[in-house]
Each structure stands twice: as structure tokens, then as C-alpha cells.
Amino acid sequence: MNFKKTILLMGILFSLNACVQSTAFMGPGVTIATSGNIAQASFQYGTNKIIEKQTGKNTLSLITDVIDESKSENEEKQNFFNEKKFQDNFKRLVQKKFYKTRKQVFLN
């Protein structure tokens, strides 16, 4: 029984493999089916098409890119802060050693 279901599922998936373009209407279709609100579904579809036309990306990839950019900006800020702190600590250390060595040289 499980073998027949597996074969049937694989057959369906194989035959519907090229139907990816037609799934663009699936999101608004699900919205209509669940909420019954045609205005909301048409607004959702129109917004997605406008975003795709303006950016050349679909909504999901656009959101992913924005999140990746914000993560990289945060990492840069953290690295800059750590580098600045390191430079300040290094400067204080060198000054301290410089004055300590200077005292020893003049005393001897």
C-alpha cells in the first residue's frame, strides 16, 4: 500500500514539475479561499507584481536580501567598534611603556 502511494506521489510530482510559473496565482487563491476577501487577494497580487517589476526580484528574495544587508551592516559596526577599542588600548599601552622606559633610562 505504501509503495503504491509513493509511486503515485512521485508520478504526480514528476508530471507537475514544470508548473512553477502557474503557482504565482496560488497565494491570492489561498487568500480568497481562507478569508473570502477578494479585495485583499487582489491587493496582495498587485503589490507583489509591482515589487517584482520595480526590483526584478520576488518578494521573498527581496526580503532575504534586505535582512542580509542589515546583518552585514551590523557586523561592520561591531568590527569597527572592536577595532577602535583595540587601537585605544594599544595606544595607552605604548604610552605607558614609553614613559616607564624613559624613566629607567634617565635614572641610570
N, C-alpha and C. Protein backbone atom coordinates (compact mmCIF):
# COMPACT_ATOMS: atom_id res chain seq x y z
N MET A 1 0.83 -1.19 0.00
CA MET A 1 0.00 0.00 0.00
C MET A 1 0.87 1.26 0.00
N ASN A 2 1.89 1.32 0.87
CA ASN A 2 2.77 2.48 0.93
C ASN A 2 3.55 2.66 -0.37
N PHE A 3 3.93 1.52 -0.98
CA PHE A 3 4.68 1.57 -2.22
C PHE A 3 3.85 2.21 -3.33
N LYS A 4 2.56 1.88 -3.38
CA LYS A 4 1.67 2.45 -4.39
C LYS A 4 1.50 3.96 -4.19
N LYS A 5 1.38 4.38 -2.92
CA LYS A 5 1.26 5.81 -2.62
C LYS A 5 2.52 6.56 -3.02
N THR A 6 3.67 5.95 -2.75
CA THR A 6 4.94 6.57 -3.09
C THR A 6 5.07 6.73 -4.60
N ILE A 7 4.74 5.69 -5.34
CA ILE A 7 4.81 5.75 -6.80
C ILE A 7 3.84 6.79 -7.34
N LEU A 8 2.62 6.83 -6.80
CA LEU A 8 1.62 7.81 -7.23
C LEU A 8 2.10 9.23 -6.94
N LEU A 9 2.63 9.46 -5.74
CA LEU A 9 3.15 10.77 -5.37
C LEU A 9 4.30 11.20 -6.27
N MET A 10 5.22 10.28 -6.55
CA MET A 10 6.34 10.60 -7.43
C MET A 10 5.85 10.90 -8.84
N GLY A 11 4.87 10.17 -9.31
CA GLY A 11 4.30 10.42 -10.64
C GLY A 11 3.65 11.79 -10.72
N ILE A 12 2.90 12.16 -9.69
CA ILE A 12 2.25 13.47 -9.66
C ILE A 12 3.30 14.58 -9.62
N LEU A 13 4.29 14.45 -8.75
CA LEU A 13 5.33 15.46 -8.66
C LEU A 13 6.12 15.58 -9.95
N PHE A 14 6.39 14.46 -10.62
CA PHE A 14 7.13 14.49 -11.87
C PHE A 14 6.33 15.16 -12.97
N SER A 15 5.04 14.88 -13.01
CA SER A 15 4.21 15.47 -14.07
C SER A 15 3.94 16.94 -13.84
N LEU A 16 3.92 17.38 -12.59
CA LEU A 16 3.66 18.79 -12.27
C LEU A 16 4.94 19.59 -12.05
N ASN A 17 6.06 19.06 -12.43
CA ASN A 17 7.35 19.70 -12.19
C ASN A 17 7.46 21.04 -12.91
N ALA A 18 6.88 21.19 -14.08
CA ALA A 18 7.02 22.42 -14.86
C ALA A 18 5.91 23.42 -14.57
N CYS A 19 5.13 23.23 -13.55
CA CYS A 19 4.01 24.12 -13.25
C CYS A 19 4.38 25.22 -12.27
N VAL A 20 5.65 25.53 -12.15
CA VAL A 20 6.07 26.52 -11.16
C VAL A 20 5.56 27.91 -11.51
N GLN A 21 5.54 28.28 -12.79
CA GLN A 21 5.08 29.61 -13.18
C GLN A 21 3.61 29.84 -12.84
N SER A 22 2.81 28.82 -12.93
CA SER A 22 1.38 28.99 -12.67
C SER A 22 1.08 29.09 -11.17
N THR A 23 2.03 28.83 -10.32
CA THR A 23 1.79 28.92 -8.88
C THR A 23 1.83 30.36 -8.39
N ALA A 24 2.07 31.32 -9.29
CA ALA A 24 2.06 32.72 -8.89
C ALA A 24 0.67 33.14 -8.41
N PHE A 25 -0.36 32.50 -8.94
CA PHE A 25 -1.73 32.81 -8.52
C PHE A 25 -2.13 32.03 -7.28
N MET A 26 -1.29 31.19 -6.79
CA MET A 26 -1.65 30.33 -5.66
C MET A 26 -1.81 31.13 -4.38
N GLY A 27 -0.93 32.11 -4.12
CA GLY A 27 -1.02 32.92 -2.90
C GLY A 27 -2.34 33.65 -2.80
N PRO A 28 -2.70 34.45 -3.82
CA PRO A 28 -4.01 35.12 -3.76
C PRO A 28 -5.17 34.13 -3.75
N GLY A 29 -5.02 32.99 -4.42
CA GLY A 29 -6.07 31.98 -4.39
C GLY A 29 -6.30 31.43 -3.00
N VAL A 30 -5.22 31.21 -2.28
CA VAL A 30 -5.33 30.73 -0.90
C VAL A 30 -5.97 31.79 -0.03
N THR A 31 -5.62 33.06 -0.27
CA THR A 31 -6.22 34.15 0.50
C THR A 31 -7.73 34.21 0.28
N ILE A 32 -8.15 34.06 -0.97
CA ILE A 32 -9.59 34.07 -1.25
C ILE A 32 -10.27 32.89 -0.59
N ALA A 33 -9.63 31.72 -0.66
CA ALA A 33 -10.25 30.52 -0.10
C ALA A 33 -10.36 30.59 1.43
N THR A 34 -9.35 31.15 2.09
CA THR A 34 -9.38 31.16 3.56
C THR A 34 -10.19 32.31 4.12
N SER A 35 -10.03 33.50 3.55
CA SER A 35 -10.71 34.65 4.13
C SER A 35 -11.94 35.07 3.34
N GLY A 36 -11.99 34.71 2.07
CA GLY A 36 -13.12 35.12 1.24
C GLY A 36 -13.04 36.57 0.81
N ASN A 37 -11.92 37.20 1.06
CA ASN A 37 -11.77 38.62 0.76
C ASN A 37 -11.06 38.78 -0.58
N ILE A 38 -11.80 39.10 -1.61
CA ILE A 38 -11.24 39.25 -2.95
C ILE A 38 -10.39 40.51 -3.04
N ALA A 39 -10.79 41.57 -2.35
CA ALA A 39 -10.03 42.82 -2.38
C ALA A 39 -8.62 42.61 -1.81
N GLN A 40 -8.54 41.89 -0.70
CA GLN A 40 -7.25 41.63 -0.08
C GLN A 40 -6.37 40.78 -1.00
N ALA A 41 -6.95 39.80 -1.64
CA ALA A 41 -6.18 38.94 -2.54
C ALA A 41 -5.69 39.71 -3.75
N SER A 42 -6.53 40.57 -4.32
CA SER A 42 -6.09 41.35 -5.48
C SER A 42 -5.04 42.37 -5.09
N PHE A 43 -5.17 42.97 -3.90
CA PHE A 43 -4.15 43.89 -3.41
C PHE A 43 -2.81 43.18 -3.22
N GLN A 44 -2.85 41.98 -2.66
CA GLN A 44 -1.64 41.19 -2.44
C GLN A 44 -0.97 40.86 -3.77
N TYR A 45 -1.76 40.42 -4.74
CA TYR A 45 -1.20 40.07 -6.05
C TYR A 45 -0.63 41.31 -6.75
N GLY A 46 -1.36 42.42 -6.70
CA GLY A 46 -0.89 43.66 -7.33
C GLY A 46 0.40 44.18 -6.69
N THR A 47 0.46 44.13 -5.38
CA THR A 47 1.66 44.56 -4.67
C THR A 47 2.85 43.70 -5.05
N ASN A 48 2.67 42.40 -5.09
CA ASN A 48 3.76 41.50 -5.47
C ASN A 48 4.25 41.79 -6.88
N LYS A 49 3.33 42.04 -7.80
CA LYS A 49 3.71 42.33 -9.19
C LYS A 49 4.45 43.66 -9.29
N ILE A 50 4.01 44.68 -8.54
CA ILE A 50 4.68 45.98 -8.56
C ILE A 50 6.10 45.85 -8.02
N ILE A 51 6.26 45.13 -6.91
CA ILE A 51 7.59 44.92 -6.33
C ILE A 51 8.48 44.17 -7.31
N GLU A 52 7.93 43.17 -7.96
CA GLU A 52 8.71 42.39 -8.92
C GLU A 52 9.12 43.25 -10.12
N LYS A 53 8.22 44.12 -10.57
CA LYS A 53 8.52 44.98 -11.72
C LYS A 53 9.57 46.03 -11.35
N GLN A 54 9.48 46.60 -10.16
CA GLN A 54 10.40 47.65 -9.73
C GLN A 54 11.80 47.11 -9.45
N THR A 55 11.88 45.97 -8.76
CA THR A 55 13.17 45.46 -8.31
C THR A 55 13.71 44.32 -9.14
N GLY A 56 12.85 43.64 -9.87
CA GLY A 56 13.28 42.47 -10.62
C GLY A 56 13.39 41.23 -9.76
N LYS A 57 12.96 41.34 -8.51
CA LYS A 57 13.02 40.21 -7.58
C LYS A 57 11.62 39.96 -7.04
N ASN A 58 11.39 38.71 -6.65
CA ASN A 58 10.11 38.45 -5.99
C ASN A 58 10.20 38.91 -4.54
N THR A 59 9.08 38.92 -3.87
CA THR A 59 9.01 39.48 -2.53
C THR A 59 9.92 38.75 -1.55
N LEU A 60 9.94 37.43 -1.62
CA LEU A 60 10.75 36.64 -0.69
C LEU A 60 12.24 36.92 -0.86
N SER A 61 12.73 36.96 -2.10
CA SER A 61 14.16 37.22 -2.30
C SER A 61 14.51 38.65 -1.92
N LEU A 62 13.60 39.60 -2.12
CA LEU A 62 13.85 40.98 -1.72
C LEU A 62 13.99 41.09 -0.20
N ILE A 63 13.10 40.44 0.53
CA ILE A 63 13.17 40.46 2.00
C ILE A 63 14.45 39.80 2.48
N THR A 64 14.83 38.69 1.85
CA THR A 64 16.06 37.99 2.22
C THR A 64 17.28 38.88 2.01
N ASP A 65 17.32 39.59 0.89
CA ASP A 65 18.44 40.49 0.61
C ASP A 65 18.52 41.63 1.62
N VAL A 66 17.38 42.19 1.99
CA VAL A 66 17.36 43.28 2.96
C VAL A 66 17.86 42.79 4.32
N ILE A 67 17.45 41.61 4.72
CA ILE A 67 17.91 41.05 6.00
C ILE A 67 19.41 40.80 5.97
N ASP A 68 19.92 40.25 4.86
CA ASP A 68 21.36 40.01 4.74
C ASP A 68 22.15 41.30 4.79
N GLU A 69 21.65 42.36 4.14
CA GLU A 69 22.34 43.65 4.17
C GLU A 69 22.39 44.22 5.58
N SER A 70 21.29 44.12 6.31
CA SER A 70 21.28 44.67 7.66
C SER A 70 22.21 43.87 8.57
N LYS A 71 22.29 42.56 8.36
CA LYS A 71 23.23 41.75 9.16
C LYS A 71 24.66 42.16 8.87
N SER A 72 25.00 42.37 7.60
CA SER A 72 26.37 42.75 7.25
C SER A 72 26.71 44.14 7.79
N GLU A 73 25.74 45.07 7.78
CA GLU A 73 25.98 46.39 8.35
C GLU A 73 26.22 46.30 9.85
N ASN A 74 25.46 45.48 10.55
CA ASN A 74 25.66 45.31 11.98
C ASN A 74 27.03 44.70 12.28
N GLU A 75 27.45 43.74 11.47
CA GLU A 75 28.76 43.13 11.67
C GLU A 75 29.87 44.14 11.43
N GLU A 76 29.71 45.01 10.43
CA GLU A 76 30.71 46.04 10.16
C GLU A 76 30.80 47.01 11.33
N LYS A 77 29.65 47.40 11.88
CA LYS A 77 29.66 48.32 13.02
C LYS A 77 30.35 47.68 14.22
N GLN A 78 30.09 46.40 14.46
CA GLN A 78 30.72 45.72 15.58
C GLN A 78 32.23 45.61 15.37
N ASN A 79 32.65 45.29 14.16
CA ASN A 79 34.07 45.18 13.86
C ASN A 79 34.75 46.54 14.00
N PHE A 80 34.10 47.60 13.56
CA PHE A 80 34.67 48.93 13.68
C PHE A 80 34.82 49.30 15.15
N PHE A 81 33.81 49.02 15.96
CA PHE A 81 33.87 49.33 17.38
C PHE A 81 35.00 48.56 18.05
N ASN A 82 35.12 47.30 17.76
CA ASN A 82 36.18 46.50 18.35
C ASN A 82 37.56 46.99 17.90
N GLU A 83 37.69 47.39 16.65
CA GLU A 83 38.96 47.89 16.14
C GLU A 83 39.32 49.20 16.82
N LYS A 84 38.36 50.08 17.00
CA LYS A 84 38.61 51.36 17.68
C LYS A 84 39.03 51.13 19.12
N LYS A 85 38.37 50.21 19.80
CA LYS A 85 38.72 49.90 21.18
C LYS A 85 40.12 49.32 21.27
N PHE A 86 40.48 48.45 20.32
CA PHE A 86 41.81 47.88 20.29
C PHE A 86 42.86 48.97 20.08
N GLN A 87 42.60 49.89 19.17
CA GLN A 87 43.55 50.97 18.91
C GLN A 87 43.76 51.84 20.14
N ASP A 88 42.69 52.15 20.85
CA ASP A 88 42.82 52.97 22.06
C ASP A 88 43.63 52.24 23.13
N ASN A 89 43.33 50.96 23.33
CA ASN A 89 44.08 50.18 24.33
C ASN A 89 45.55 50.06 23.96
N PHE A 90 45.82 49.86 22.69
CA PHE A 90 47.20 49.73 22.22
C PHE A 90 47.95 51.05 22.42
N LYS A 91 47.29 52.16 22.13
CA LYS A 91 47.93 53.47 22.30
C LYS A 91 48.28 53.71 23.78
N ARG A 92 47.35 53.41 24.68
CA ARG A 92 47.63 53.58 26.11
C ARG A 92 48.78 52.68 26.57
N LEU A 93 48.81 51.45 26.08
CA LEU A 93 49.87 50.52 26.46
C LEU A 93 51.23 51.03 25.99
N VAL A 94 51.31 51.51 24.76
CA VAL A 94 52.58 52.01 24.23
C VAL A 94 53.02 53.25 25.01
N GLN A 95 52.11 54.15 25.31
CA GLN A 95 52.47 55.34 26.08
C GLN A 95 52.99 54.96 27.47
N LYS A 96 52.31 54.03 28.10
CA LYS A 96 52.72 53.59 29.44
C LYS A 96 54.12 53.00 29.41
N LYS A 97 54.38 52.12 28.45
CA LYS A 97 55.71 51.51 28.33
C LYS A 97 56.76 52.55 27.95
N PHE A 98 56.38 53.51 27.11
CA PHE A 98 57.32 54.55 26.70
C PHE A 98 57.78 55.37 27.91
N TYR A 99 56.84 55.84 28.72
CA TYR A 99 57.20 56.65 29.89
C TYR A 99 57.95 55.83 30.93
N LYS A 100 57.60 54.58 31.09
CA LYS A 100 58.30 53.71 32.04
C LYS A 100 59.75 53.50 31.59
N THR A 101 59.96 53.26 30.33
CA THR A 101 61.30 53.07 29.79
C THR A 101 62.09 54.37 29.87
N ARG A 102 61.46 55.49 29.62
CA ARG A 102 62.11 56.79 29.68
C ARG A 102 62.62 57.08 31.08
N LYS A 103 61.81 56.76 32.09
CA LYS A 103 62.23 56.96 33.48
C LYS A 103 63.45 56.11 33.80
N GLN A 104 63.42 54.86 33.35
CA GLN A 104 64.55 53.97 33.64
C GLN A 104 65.82 54.45 32.96
N VAL A 105 65.72 54.95 31.76
CA VAL A 105 66.90 55.42 31.03
C VAL A 105 67.51 56.64 31.72
N PHE A 106 66.71 57.58 32.15
CA PHE A 106 67.21 58.78 32.79
C PHE A 106 67.72 58.54 34.21
N LEU A 107 67.22 57.52 34.88
CA LEU A 107 67.70 57.22 36.22
C LEU A 107 69.04 56.50 36.17
N ASN A 108 69.36 55.79 35.13
CA ASN A 108 70.62 55.06 35.04
C ASN A 108 71.67 55.85 34.41
